C-alpha atoms as a PDB file:
ATOM      1  CA  MET A   1     164.513 133.493   7.107  1.00  0.00           C
ATOM      2  CA  ASN A   2     167.430 131.082   7.248  1.00  0.00           C
ATOM      3  CA  GLN A   3     170.462 132.828   8.758  1.00  0.00           C
ATOM      4  CA  LEU A   4     173.922 131.760   9.941  1.00  0.00           C
ATOM      5  CA  ILE A   5     174.290 133.053  13.505  1.00  0.00           C
ATOM      6  CA  CYS A   6     177.673 133.011  15.244  1.00  0.00           C
ATOM      7  CA  LYS A   7     178.574 134.291  18.719  1.00  0.00           C
ATOM      8  CA  ASN A   8     181.895 135.819  17.699  1.00  0.00           C
ATOM      9  CA  PHE A   9     184.607 135.896  15.048  1.00  0.00           C
ATOM     10  CA  LYS A  10     186.213 132.728  16.423  1.00  0.00           C
ATOM     11  CA  GLU A  11     183.021 130.776  15.732  1.00  0.00           C
ATOM     12  CA  PHE A  12     182.483 132.611  12.427  1.00  0.00           C
ATOM     13  CA  ARG A  13     185.945 131.502  11.225  1.00  0.00           C
ATOM     14  CA  THR A  14     184.786 127.849  11.362  1.00  0.00           C
ATOM     15  CA  HIS A  15     182.539 128.615   8.374  1.00  0.00           C
ATOM     16  CA  GLU A  16     185.396 129.584   6.046  1.00  0.00           C
ATOM     17  CA  GLY A  17     185.037 127.665   2.789  1.00  0.00           C
ATOM     18  CA  LYS A  18     181.356 126.942   3.416  1.00  0.00           C
ATOM     19  CA  SER A  19     178.154 128.148   1.812  1.00  0.00           C
ATOM     20  CA  LEU A  20     175.911 130.628   3.552  1.00  0.00           C
ATOM     21  CA  PRO A  21     172.128 130.147   3.613  1.00  0.00           C
ATOM     22  CA  VAL A  22     170.367 131.156   0.394  1.00  0.00           C
ATOM     23  CA  GLY A  23     168.842 134.607   0.753  1.00  0.00           C
ATOM     24  CA  GLU A  24     165.193 135.584   0.649  1.00  0.00           C
ATOM     25  CA  TRP A  25     163.701 136.964  -2.563  1.00  0.00           C
ATOM     26  CA  LEU A  26     163.820 140.755  -2.940  1.00  0.00           C
ATOM     27  CA  THR A  27     161.684 142.557  -5.517  1.00  0.00           C
ATOM     28  CA  VAL A  28     163.544 145.235  -7.482  1.00  0.00           C
ATOM     29  CA  THR A  29     161.003 147.997  -8.043  1.00  0.00           C
ATOM     30  CA  GLN A  30     161.043 150.957 -10.403  1.00  0.00           C
ATOM     31  CA  GLU A  31     161.060 153.168  -7.318  1.00  0.00           C
ATOM     32  CA  MET A  32     164.323 151.526  -6.183  1.00  0.00           C
ATOM     33  CA  ILE A  33     165.824 151.999  -9.654  1.00  0.00           C
ATOM     34  CA  ASN A  34     164.775 155.670  -9.697  1.00  0.00           C
ATOM     35  CA  ALA A  35     166.242 156.224  -6.216  1.00  0.00           C
ATOM     36  CA  PHE A  36     169.516 154.584  -7.288  1.00  0.00           C
ATOM     37  CA  ALA A  37     169.599 156.796 -10.395  1.00  0.00           C
ATOM     38  CA  GLU A  38     169.063 159.840  -8.197  1.00  0.00           C
ATOM     39  CA  ALA A  39     171.774 158.802  -5.731  1.00  0.00           C
ATOM     40  CA  THR A  40     174.358 158.063  -8.441  1.00  0.00           C
ATOM     41  CA  GLN A  41     173.241 160.690 -10.969  1.00  0.00           C
ATOM     42  CA  ASP A  42     173.073 157.909 -13.599  1.00  0.00           C
ATOM     43  CA  PHE A  43     169.870 158.690 -15.483  1.00  0.00           C
ATOM     44  CA  GLN A  44     170.558 156.634 -18.619  1.00  0.00           C
ATOM     45  CA  TRP A  45     167.227 156.152 -20.369  1.00  0.00           C
ATOM     46  CA  VAL A  46     167.288 152.303 -20.116  1.00  0.00           C
ATOM     47  CA  HIS A  47     166.717 152.749 -16.375  1.00  0.00           C
ATOM     48  CA  VAL A  48     164.247 155.610 -16.035  1.00  0.00           C
ATOM     49  CA  ASP A  49     162.600 156.735 -19.294  1.00  0.00           C
ATOM     50  CA  LEU A  50     159.522 154.491 -19.408  1.00  0.00           C
ATOM     51  CA  GLU A  51     158.171 155.808 -22.730  1.00  0.00           C
ATOM     52  CA  ARG A  52     161.477 155.493 -24.559  1.00  0.00           C
ATOM     53  CA  ILE A  53     162.035 152.037 -23.057  1.00  0.00           C
ATOM     54  CA  LYS A  54     158.716 150.806 -24.481  1.00  0.00           C
ATOM     55  CA  LYS A  55     159.718 152.036 -27.948  1.00  0.00           C
ATOM     56  CA  GLU A  56     163.476 151.407 -28.138  1.00  0.00           C
ATOM     57  CA  SER A  57     164.680 148.939 -25.518  1.00  0.00           C
ATOM     58  CA  PRO A  58     165.129 145.297 -26.532  1.00  0.00           C
ATOM     59  CA  PHE A  59     163.895 144.391 -23.013  1.00  0.00           C
ATOM     60  CA  LYS A  60     160.723 146.562 -23.212  1.00  0.00           C
ATOM     61  CA  LYS A  61     161.019 147.116 -19.449  1.00  0.00           C
ATOM     62  CA  PRO A  62     163.335 149.294 -17.364  1.00  0.00           C
ATOM     63  CA  ILE A  63     166.509 147.573 -16.189  1.00  0.00           C
ATOM     64  CA  ALA A  64     168.294 148.177 -12.906  1.00  0.00           C
ATOM     65  CA  HIS A  65     171.799 149.575 -12.920  1.00  0.00           C
ATOM     66  CA  GLY A  66     174.445 146.855 -12.744  1.00  0.00           C
ATOM     67  CA  PHE A  67     175.988 148.662  -9.804  1.00  0.00           C
ATOM     68  CA  MET A  68     172.626 148.489  -8.037  1.00  0.00           C
ATOM     69  CA  SER A  69     172.990 144.690  -8.033  1.00  0.00           C
ATOM     70  CA  ILE A  70     176.406 145.068  -6.411  1.00  0.00           C
ATOM     71  CA  SER A  71     175.032 147.543  -3.885  1.00  0.00           C
ATOM     72  CA  LEU A  72     172.321 145.112  -2.800  1.00  0.00           C
ATOM     73  CA  ILE A  73     174.913 142.486  -1.869  1.00  0.00           C
ATOM     74  CA  SER A  74     175.789 144.282   1.403  1.00  0.00           C
ATOM     75  CA  LYS A  75     172.190 144.104   2.585  1.00  0.00           C
ATOM     76  CA  MET A  76     171.688 140.561   1.318  1.00  0.00           C
ATOM     77  CA  LEU A  77     174.840 139.301   3.093  1.00  0.00           C
ATOM     78  CA  MET A  78     173.732 140.899   6.353  1.00  0.00           C
ATOM     79  CA  ASP A  79     170.396 139.114   5.959  1.00  0.00           C
ATOM     80  CA  VAL A  80     172.015 135.651   5.701  1.00  0.00           C
ATOM     81  CA  MET A  81     174.681 135.959   8.415  1.00  0.00           C
ATOM     82  CA  LYS A  82     174.942 137.484  11.843  1.00  0.00           C
ATOM     83  CA  VAL A  83     177.893 137.653  14.223  1.00  0.00           C
ATOM     84  CA  GLU A  84     176.654 138.692  17.647  1.00  0.00           C
ATOM     85  CA  SER A  85     179.960 140.368  18.620  1.00  0.00           C
ATOM     86  CA  PHE A  86     179.917 142.433  15.394  1.00  0.00           C
ATOM     87  CA  ALA A  87     180.368 146.152  16.051  1.00  0.00           C
ATOM     88  CA  MET A  88     180.961 147.656  12.611  1.00  0.00           C
ATOM     89  CA  GLY A  89     181.629 146.749   9.000  1.00  0.00           C
ATOM     90  CA  VAL A  90     182.805 148.514   5.869  1.00  0.00           C
ATOM     91  CA  ASN A  91     183.097 147.521   2.243  1.00  0.00           C
ATOM     92  CA  TYR A  92     186.708 146.813   1.247  1.00  0.00           C
ATOM     93  CA  GLY A  93     186.302 146.086  -2.444  1.00  0.00           C
ATOM     94  CA  LEU A  94     185.300 143.700  -5.190  1.00  0.00           C
ATOM     95  CA  ASN A  95     187.066 141.191  -7.408  1.00  0.00           C
ATOM     96  CA  LYS A  96     185.979 139.483 -10.603  1.00  0.00           C
ATOM     97  CA  VAL A  97     182.710 141.401 -11.039  1.00  0.00           C
ATOM     98  CA  ARG A  98     180.409 140.442 -13.901  1.00  0.00           C
ATOM     99  CA  PHE A  99     176.811 141.308 -14.848  1.00  0.00           C
ATOM    100  CA  PRO A 100     175.671 138.354 -17.025  1.00  0.00           C
ATOM    101  CA  HIS A 101     171.987 139.351 -17.233  1.00  0.00           C
ATOM    102  CA  PRO A 102     170.060 142.588 -16.628  1.00  0.00           C
ATOM    103  CA  VAL A 103     167.544 142.863 -13.796  1.00  0.00           C
ATOM    104  CA  MET A 104     164.256 144.197 -15.070  1.00  0.00           C
ATOM    105  CA  ALA A 105     161.942 146.295 -12.889  1.00  0.00           C
ATOM    106  CA  GLY A 106     159.591 143.989 -11.027  1.00  0.00           C
ATOM    107  CA  SER A 107     162.055 141.076 -11.000  1.00  0.00           C
ATOM    108  CA  ARG A 108     162.903 139.214  -7.838  1.00  0.00           C
ATOM    109  CA  VAL A 109     166.524 138.556  -6.880  1.00  0.00           C
ATOM    110  CA  ARG A 110     168.226 136.585  -4.131  1.00  0.00           C
ATOM    111  CA  LEU A 111     171.757 135.877  -2.980  1.00  0.00           C
ATOM    112  CA  HIS A 112     173.735 132.651  -3.160  1.00  0.00           C
ATOM    113  CA  SER A 113     177.040 133.046  -1.328  1.00  0.00           C
ATOM    114  CA  SER A 114     179.913 131.346   0.408  1.00  0.00           C
ATOM    115  CA  ILE A 115     182.755 132.468   2.625  1.00  0.00           C
ATOM    116  CA  ALA A 116     185.875 132.063   0.499  1.00  0.00           C
ATOM    117  CA  LYS A 117     188.459 133.480   2.899  1.00  0.00           C
ATOM    118  CA  ILE A 118     188.751 135.075   6.340  1.00  0.00           C
ATOM    119  CA  GLU A 119     191.934 136.979   7.221  1.00  0.00           C
ATOM    120  CA  ASP A 120     193.013 138.941  10.291  1.00  0.00           C
ATOM    121  CA  TYR A 121     192.702 142.695   9.936  1.00  0.00           C
ATOM    122  CA  ALA A 122     193.972 145.195  12.520  1.00  0.00           C
ATOM    123  CA  GLU A 123     193.531 144.443  16.229  1.00  0.00           C
ATOM    124  CA  ASN A 124     189.871 143.535  16.374  1.00  0.00           C
ATOM    125  CA  GLY A 125     188.945 142.954  12.757  1.00  0.00           C
ATOM    126  CA  ILE A 126     188.766 140.449   9.963  1.00  0.00           C
ATOM    127  CA  LYS A 127     188.752 140.772   6.182  1.00  0.00           C
ATOM    128  CA  VAL A 128     186.083 138.497   4.706  1.00  0.00           C
ATOM    129  CA  THR A 129     185.942 137.504   1.043  1.00  0.00           C
ATOM    130  CA  CYS A 130     182.599 136.085  -0.068  1.00  0.00           C
ATOM    131  CA  ASN A 131     181.759 134.518  -3.400  1.00  0.00           C
ATOM    132  CA  CYS A 132     178.418 136.031  -4.343  1.00  0.00           C
ATOM    133  CA  THR A 133     175.901 135.276  -7.060  1.00  0.00           C
ATOM    134  CA  VAL A 134     172.731 137.341  -7.391  1.00  0.00           C
ATOM    135  CA  GLU A 135     170.072 135.078  -8.897  1.00  0.00           C
ATOM    136  CA  ILE A 136     167.105 136.419 -10.864  1.00  0.00           C
ATOM    137  CA  GLU A 137     163.920 134.417 -10.402  1.00  0.00           C
ATOM    138  CA  GLY A 138     163.103 132.452 -13.554  1.00  0.00           C
ATOM    139  CA  VAL A 139     166.282 133.458 -15.402  1.00  0.00           C
ATOM    140  CA  GLU A 140     169.122 131.025 -16.094  1.00  0.00           C
ATOM    141  CA  LYS A 141     171.923 133.608 -16.013  1.00  0.00           C
ATOM    142  CA  PRO A 142     172.580 135.551 -12.802  1.00  0.00           C
ATOM    143  CA  ALA A 143     172.316 139.305 -12.429  1.00  0.00           C
ATOM    144  CA  CYS A 144     175.728 139.575 -10.859  1.00  0.00           C
ATOM    145  CA  VAL A 145     178.673 137.408  -9.893  1.00  0.00           C
ATOM    146  CA  ALA A 146     181.421 138.878  -7.704  1.00  0.00           C
ATOM    147  CA  GLU A 147     183.940 138.347  -4.978  1.00  0.00           C
ATOM    148  CA  PHE A 148     182.764 140.759  -2.319  1.00  0.00           C
ATOM    149  CA  ILE A 149     185.292 141.812   0.326  1.00  0.00           C
ATOM    150  CA  SER A 150     184.336 143.459   3.589  1.00  0.00           C
ATOM    151  CA  LEU A 151     186.020 144.414   6.824  1.00  0.00           C
ATOM    152  CA  MET A 152     184.286 143.421  10.034  1.00  0.00           C
ATOM    153  CA  PHE A 153     185.155 144.594  13.537  1.00  0.00           C
ATOM    154  CA  GLU A 154     184.224 143.162  16.928  1.00  0.00           C
ATOM    155  CA  GLU A 155     183.279 145.144  20.008  1.00  0.00           C
END
């Protein structure tokens, strides 16, 4: 896997305004969709009712929750970048979130991202804004486009 590796935040800051490596493909399974439904208590039939989906859905396959696409961004960002002095991170928020195309069960997705902005945060932290696009294999429109903001702290 291609990954940006930096020793510390000082080195990481030199990548502001630059693209991160493209992420590896991740298959979105029905089991993942069911687990997300269970965790969020969102059991809308378009996600989990396989018989009704076959009869009534225009997609004829289960679709993942839009918020599942957002939730995968944390993992996908951690896969494409590593800061060796990193001690802890938390999600700070999202800007400009859109879900242009549904992700059907069995689809593969991957992350395209760049570091839009890095700001100081507290004594040993930074606030990082990444431009993120979740691509669906073989589909022109992305699953999700968002500015993803996280707080990162050094040891």
